Amino acid sequence: MSEDGKDAASPERGERIAKWLARAGIASRRDAEQLIAEGVVTLNGQKVETPATFVSPGDAVLVSGRLVGAPEATRLFRYHKPDGLVTTHKDPQGRPTVFEKLPAGLPRLVSVGRLDLTSEGLLLLTNDGALARKLELPSNGWLRRYRVRVHGRVNEGALAWLARGITVDGVKYGPIQAGLDSRQGTNAWLTVSLQEGKNREVRRVMQHLELHVTRLIRVAYGPFQLGTLPPGAVEEVNARTMREQLGIRSAAPRIQRGIERTLPPREPEAPRSRPPRARRAGDPHLTPWGAKPRTDK
């Protein structure tokens, strides 16, 4: 209990400001705490001194002089990151960033983890910084799966040993599942799966095996798949998947190409006499941002 007799988590006290800023999509909770330390966050006109400050409904929160809207319903998106983009909102070196290249009509988003400048593939984006931090934790037990093109002589025995974990330059990496898919001359494609996803983990481990990574594509992050999502396109994870995989109920409207629309209720399907056709990977009910609508023949 606090000195005033109210529980720190009670509705009367509101929500801690760092968590509130994270849910508002401003930054992760850790980065929100850094913003508070830098003195750029105010609450009702007063500079916030500690992350233990509470926000109640109706309070005015500003970051660097800009009013922050109250957190919206949690939303999650799959994004196919192309090669050559930095996973940050602003790059000191002036390189193009993921968030500068996102299609119009999206809310302010933060990434779930990162992909290197030259890495491609599935990057999860959300408007909820607290959710982003939760999904990054290795304790989820979620596998990150990659397709990796390497140059060099592949030793399949060495790949198998990675399942025991490995230490490279003093950094200990957990078990890695790696298998050879195909080989042509000195080039080969591997499938690599891991849980931790430490900084440049795949590249450093492959380099330790004397293999040079020439292409790295993330194809899955836990239950979420890259599927057929085109490079540069974004697709929202539907409400059913949010409930089943994350236990989250999302009331956000579906958006297509920046235009809000609510899908009409679906009519019950009549019993089928044969199995339905297989659907493409990803959410079948949405056309991705930045991708041309598909027309099935």
Protein backbone atom coordinates (compact mmCIF):
# COMPACT_ATOMS: atom_id res chain seq x y z
CA MET A 1 0.00 0.00 0.00
CA SER A 2 1.13 3.57 -0.61
CA GLU A 3 1.23 6.25 2.08
CA ASP A 4 -2.18 7.54 1.09
CA GLY A 5 -3.64 4.07 1.56
CA LYS A 6 -4.23 3.40 -2.12
CA ASP A 7 -2.77 0.44 -3.95
CA ALA A 8 -0.19 1.55 -6.53
CA ALA A 9 -2.07 -0.38 -9.21
CA SER A 10 -5.56 0.79 -8.26
CA PRO A 11 -7.77 2.64 -10.78
CA GLU A 12 -7.82 5.67 -8.45
CA ARG A 13 -4.12 6.20 -9.04
CA GLY A 14 -4.25 5.64 -12.77
CA GLU A 15 -1.32 4.12 -14.64
CA ARG A 16 2.42 4.65 -14.36
CA ILE A 17 3.47 7.18 -16.96
CA ALA A 18 6.22 5.07 -18.57
CA LYS A 19 3.76 2.25 -19.21
CA TRP A 20 1.13 4.75 -20.36
CA LEU A 21 3.56 6.24 -22.89
CA ALA A 22 4.49 2.77 -24.09
CA ARG A 23 0.84 1.84 -24.64
CA ALA A 24 0.37 5.14 -26.48
CA GLY A 25 3.04 3.99 -28.94
CA ILE A 26 5.54 6.71 -28.08
CA ALA A 27 8.35 4.32 -27.18
CA SER A 28 9.11 1.15 -25.28
CA ARG A 29 8.77 1.43 -21.52
CA ARG A 30 12.54 1.56 -21.15
CA ASP A 31 12.85 4.33 -23.75
CA ALA A 32 9.95 6.18 -22.13
CA GLU A 33 11.87 6.15 -18.86
CA GLN A 34 14.83 7.63 -20.73
CA LEU A 35 12.62 10.41 -22.10
CA ILE A 36 11.53 11.17 -18.54
CA ALA A 37 15.17 11.27 -17.41
CA GLU A 38 15.91 13.74 -20.22
CA GLY A 39 13.18 16.04 -18.85
CA VAL A 40 11.08 16.22 -22.01
CA VAL A 41 7.89 14.76 -20.50
CA THR A 42 5.32 16.94 -18.72
CA LEU A 43 2.08 16.08 -16.94
CA ASN A 44 -0.53 18.82 -16.63
CA GLY A 45 2.17 21.44 -17.21
CA GLN A 46 4.67 20.03 -14.69
CA LYS A 47 7.89 18.29 -15.68
CA VAL A 48 7.77 14.61 -14.80
CA GLU A 49 10.64 13.71 -12.47
CA THR A 50 10.10 9.98 -12.00
CA PRO A 51 8.60 7.03 -13.94
CA ALA A 52 6.57 6.34 -10.78
CA THR A 53 4.30 9.26 -11.71
CA PHE A 54 0.72 8.20 -12.41
CA VAL A 55 -1.55 9.30 -15.26
CA SER A 56 -5.31 9.48 -14.80
CA PRO A 57 -8.05 9.92 -17.42
CA GLY A 58 -8.21 13.54 -18.53
CA ASP A 59 -4.56 14.33 -17.70
CA ALA A 60 -2.52 16.19 -20.33
CA VAL A 61 0.78 14.49 -21.18
CA LEU A 62 3.28 16.21 -23.46
CA VAL A 63 6.53 14.86 -24.91
CA SER A 64 8.90 17.52 -26.25
CA GLY A 65 6.00 19.96 -26.23
CA ARG A 66 3.63 17.73 -28.20
CA LEU A 67 0.39 16.48 -26.72
CA VAL A 68 0.16 12.69 -26.52
CA GLY A 69 -3.21 11.13 -27.19
CA ALA A 70 -4.59 8.49 -24.84
CA PRO A 71 -3.59 4.92 -25.72
CA GLU A 72 -5.74 3.34 -28.40
CA ALA A 73 -6.81 -0.27 -28.74
CA THR A 74 -3.78 -2.51 -29.20
CA ARG A 75 -2.99 -3.31 -32.82
CA LEU A 76 -0.34 -5.51 -34.40
CA PHE A 77 0.96 -5.56 -37.96
CA ARG A 78 3.15 -7.81 -40.10
CA TYR A 79 5.64 -5.89 -42.23
CA HIS A 80 7.94 -7.23 -44.94
CA LYS A 81 11.12 -5.24 -44.34
CA PRO A 82 13.19 -4.75 -47.50
CA ASP A 83 16.99 -4.68 -47.57
CA GLY A 84 18.58 -1.28 -46.93
CA LEU A 85 16.33 0.14 -44.18
CA VAL A 86 17.32 0.84 -40.57
CA THR A 87 14.85 -0.31 -37.90
CA THR A 88 14.59 3.00 -36.07
CA HIS A 89 12.49 6.16 -36.15
CA LYS A 90 15.48 8.45 -36.82
CA ASP A 91 18.97 7.49 -37.93
CA PRO A 92 21.91 9.78 -36.94
CA GLN A 93 23.69 8.81 -40.17
CA GLY A 94 20.75 9.85 -42.32
CA ARG A 95 20.06 6.39 -43.69
CA PRO A 96 16.47 5.55 -44.75
CA THR A 97 14.41 4.01 -41.96
CA VAL A 98 11.59 1.49 -41.73
CA PHE A 99 9.18 4.06 -40.31
CA GLU A 100 9.90 6.65 -43.01
CA LYS A 101 9.02 4.11 -45.70
CA LEU A 102 5.79 2.76 -44.20
CA PRO A 103 2.65 3.31 -46.31
CA ALA A 104 0.37 6.18 -45.35
CA GLY A 105 -2.65 5.72 -43.10
CA LEU A 106 -1.00 3.78 -40.27
CA PRO A 107 -0.93 4.81 -36.58
CA ARG A 108 2.37 5.60 -34.88
CA LEU A 109 4.14 2.26 -34.49
CA VAL A 110 7.12 0.71 -32.76
CA SER A 111 8.91 -2.46 -33.81
CA VAL A 112 9.06 -5.78 -31.99
CA GLY A 113 12.82 -6.20 -31.94
CA ARG A 114 14.90 -5.19 -34.95
CA LEU A 115 16.29 -6.40 -38.23
CA ASP A 116 19.73 -5.27 -39.39
CA LEU A 117 20.20 -2.83 -42.26
CA THR A 118 20.83 -5.62 -44.78
CA SER A 119 18.40 -8.13 -43.27
CA GLU A 120 14.96 -8.68 -44.79
CA GLY A 121 11.66 -10.30 -43.98
CA LEU A 122 9.10 -10.33 -41.21
CA LEU A 123 9.10 -7.45 -38.76
CA LEU A 124 6.21 -7.11 -36.31
CA LEU A 125 4.97 -3.57 -35.64
CA THR A 126 2.55 -2.41 -32.95
CA ASN A 127 1.06 0.77 -31.52
CA ASP A 128 1.63 -0.63 -28.00
CA GLY A 129 5.19 -0.29 -26.72
CA ALA A 130 4.47 -2.50 -23.71
CA LEU A 131 3.32 -5.30 -26.01
CA ALA A 132 6.45 -4.86 -28.15
CA ARG A 133 8.66 -5.37 -25.11
CA LYS A 134 6.67 -8.43 -24.03
CA LEU A 135 6.95 -10.08 -27.45
CA GLU A 136 10.71 -9.51 -27.53
CA LEU A 137 11.36 -11.55 -24.39
CA PRO A 138 13.01 -14.98 -24.94
CA SER A 139 10.82 -16.31 -22.12
CA ASN A 140 7.96 -16.47 -24.65
CA GLY A 141 9.70 -19.49 -26.13
CA TRP A 142 8.90 -18.22 -29.62
CA LEU A 143 11.18 -19.36 -32.43
CA ARG A 144 12.56 -16.83 -34.89
CA ARG A 145 13.04 -18.66 -38.19
CA TYR A 146 15.30 -17.45 -41.01
CA ARG A 147 16.24 -18.40 -44.52
CA VAL A 148 19.96 -17.74 -44.81
CA ARG A 149 22.14 -17.74 -47.92
CA VAL A 150 25.81 -18.31 -47.14
CA HIS A 151 29.03 -18.43 -49.09
CA GLY A 152 31.60 -21.02 -48.07
CA ARG A 153 31.90 -24.70 -47.34
CA VAL A 154 28.99 -25.89 -45.22
CA ASN A 155 29.81 -28.53 -42.60
CA GLU A 156 26.51 -30.19 -41.71
CA GLY A 157 28.06 -31.72 -38.61
CA ALA A 158 28.99 -28.25 -37.34
CA LEU A 159 25.43 -27.06 -38.01
CA ALA A 160 24.07 -29.94 -35.93
CA TRP A 161 26.36 -29.00 -33.02
CA LEU A 162 24.72 -25.57 -32.83
CA ALA A 163 21.74 -27.26 -31.18
CA ARG A 164 23.91 -27.52 -28.04
CA GLY A 165 24.51 -23.77 -27.94
CA ILE A 166 27.76 -22.00 -28.73
CA THR A 167 29.99 -19.24 -27.36
CA VAL A 168 31.50 -16.79 -29.86
CA ASP A 169 33.95 -14.08 -28.76
CA GLY A 170 32.77 -14.42 -25.17
CA VAL A 171 29.06 -14.19 -26.05
CA LYS A 172 27.01 -17.27 -25.19
CA TYR A 173 24.23 -18.17 -27.61
CA GLY A 174 21.45 -20.61 -26.83
CA PRO A 175 20.49 -23.65 -28.92
CA ILE A 176 20.21 -22.96 -32.64
CA GLN A 177 18.52 -25.31 -35.08
CA ALA A 178 20.26 -25.07 -38.47
CA GLY A 179 19.86 -27.27 -41.53
CA LEU A 180 21.11 -27.31 -45.12
CA ASP A 181 18.33 -26.80 -47.68
CA SER A 182 20.28 -26.62 -50.92
CA ARG A 183 23.80 -26.13 -52.22
CA GLN A 184 25.20 -24.89 -55.51
CA GLY A 185 28.95 -24.60 -55.72
CA THR A 186 30.18 -22.49 -52.80
CA ASN A 187 26.74 -21.00 -52.14
CA ALA A 188 24.08 -22.63 -49.98
CA TRP A 189 20.70 -21.91 -48.43
CA LEU A 190 20.11 -22.78 -44.78
CA THR A 191 17.07 -22.70 -42.50
CA VAL A 192 18.03 -21.35 -39.07
CA SER A 193 15.74 -21.19 -36.01
CA LEU A 194 16.54 -19.65 -32.63
CA GLN A 195 14.77 -18.24 -29.58
CA GLU A 196 16.99 -15.47 -28.23
CA GLY A 197 17.67 -13.31 -31.27
CA LYS A 198 20.69 -11.48 -29.85
CA ASN A 199 22.28 -8.67 -31.85
CA ARG A 200 23.55 -10.02 -35.21
CA GLU A 201 23.39 -13.54 -33.79
CA VAL A 202 22.95 -15.43 -37.06
CA ARG A 203 25.71 -13.53 -38.84
CA ARG A 204 28.19 -13.93 -36.00
CA VAL A 205 27.54 -17.63 -35.55
CA MET A 206 27.83 -18.28 -39.29
CA GLN A 207 31.06 -16.28 -39.42
CA HIS A 208 32.38 -18.45 -36.59
CA LEU A 209 31.70 -21.45 -38.85
CA GLU A 210 33.64 -19.68 -41.64
CA LEU A 211 30.47 -18.97 -43.59
CA HIS A 212 29.72 -15.51 -44.97
CA VAL A 213 26.05 -14.51 -44.90
CA THR A 214 25.06 -12.96 -48.23
CA ARG A 215 21.32 -12.81 -47.57
CA LEU A 216 19.20 -13.15 -44.43
CA ILE A 217 15.39 -13.30 -44.51
CA ARG A 218 13.24 -13.73 -41.41
CA VAL A 219 10.26 -15.87 -42.39
CA ALA A 220 8.60 -16.39 -38.99
CA TYR A 221 8.42 -14.82 -35.54
CA GLY A 222 6.64 -17.19 -33.19
CA PRO A 223 3.20 -17.97 -34.66
CA PHE A 224 3.40 -15.11 -37.16
CA GLN A 225 4.55 -15.92 -40.71
CA LEU A 226 5.94 -13.78 -43.52
CA GLY A 227 4.01 -15.85 -46.04
CA THR A 228 3.42 -14.15 -49.40
CA LEU A 229 3.52 -10.59 -48.06
CA PRO A 230 5.38 -8.51 -50.70
CA PRO A 231 8.46 -6.44 -49.74
CA GLY A 232 7.46 -3.08 -48.27
CA ALA A 233 3.86 -4.15 -47.59
CA VAL A 234 2.07 -4.12 -44.22
CA GLU A 235 -0.83 -6.30 -43.12
CA GLU A 236 -2.75 -6.04 -39.85
CA VAL A 237 -3.09 -9.13 -37.69
CA ASN A 238 -6.78 -9.87 -37.35
CA ALA A 239 -8.72 -9.81 -34.10
CA ARG A 240 -9.14 -13.58 -33.93
CA THR A 241 -5.38 -14.17 -34.13
CA MET A 242 -4.79 -11.47 -31.51
CA ARG A 243 -7.14 -13.28 -29.13
CA GLU A 244 -5.79 -16.76 -29.82
CA GLN A 245 -2.06 -15.98 -29.79
CA LEU A 246 -1.82 -13.01 -27.43
CA GLY A 247 -5.03 -13.06 -25.40
CA ILE A 248 -5.78 -9.53 -26.58
CA ARG A 249 -9.15 -8.24 -27.73
CA SER A 250 -8.69 -5.54 -30.36
CA ALA A 251 -11.56 -3.19 -31.18
CA ALA A 252 -9.59 -1.31 -33.84
CA PRO A 253 -11.28 -0.87 -37.22
CA ARG A 254 -9.68 -2.53 -40.20
CA ILE A 255 -7.85 -0.14 -42.50
CA GLN A 256 -6.96 -0.54 -46.14
CA ARG A 257 -4.72 1.96 -47.96
CA GLY A 258 -5.35 4.55 -45.25
CA ILE A 259 -9.15 4.45 -45.58
CA GLU A 260 -11.02 3.22 -42.52
CA ARG A 261 -13.69 0.64 -43.13
CA THR A 262 -15.57 -1.87 -41.02
CA LEU A 263 -16.05 -5.28 -42.56
CA PRO A 264 -19.71 -6.42 -42.67
CA PRO A 265 -20.66 -9.49 -40.62
CA ARG A 266 -19.90 -12.71 -42.41
CA GLU A 267 -22.82 -14.96 -43.27
CA PRO A 268 -22.65 -18.52 -41.88
CA GLU A 269 -21.18 -20.88 -44.44
CA ALA A 270 -23.20 -23.80 -45.73
CA PRO A 271 -21.76 -27.28 -45.07
CA ARG A 272 -19.18 -28.23 -47.66
CA SER A 273 -19.15 -31.54 -49.44
CA ARG A 274 -15.41 -31.27 -50.04
CA PRO A 275 -12.48 -29.65 -48.21
CA PRO A 276 -12.06 -25.89 -48.84
CA ARG A 277 -9.19 -24.63 -50.97
CA ALA A 278 -5.99 -23.82 -49.07
CA ARG A 279 -5.66 -20.15 -48.27
CA ARG A 280 -2.50 -18.17 -48.69
CA ALA A 281 -0.38 -17.49 -45.61
CA GLY A 282 -1.26 -14.42 -43.59
CA ASP A 283 -4.61 -12.78 -42.95
CA PRO A 284 -6.87 -13.72 -45.88
CA HIS A 285 -9.36 -10.93 -45.20
CA LEU A 286 -7.07 -7.94 -45.87
CA THR A 287 -5.15 -6.53 -48.79
CA PRO A 288 -1.69 -5.45 -47.54
CA TRP A 289 -0.70 -1.79 -47.50
CA GLY A 290 1.71 -1.11 -50.32
CA ALA A 291 0.69 -4.23 -52.29
CA LYS A 292 -1.55 -4.54 -55.32
CA PRO A 293 -4.81 -6.40 -54.67
CA ARG A 294 -4.67 -10.00 -55.87
CA THR A 295 -7.26 -11.24 -58.31
CA ASP A 296 -7.65 -15.01 -58.30
CA LYS A 297 -8.60 -16.58 -61.61
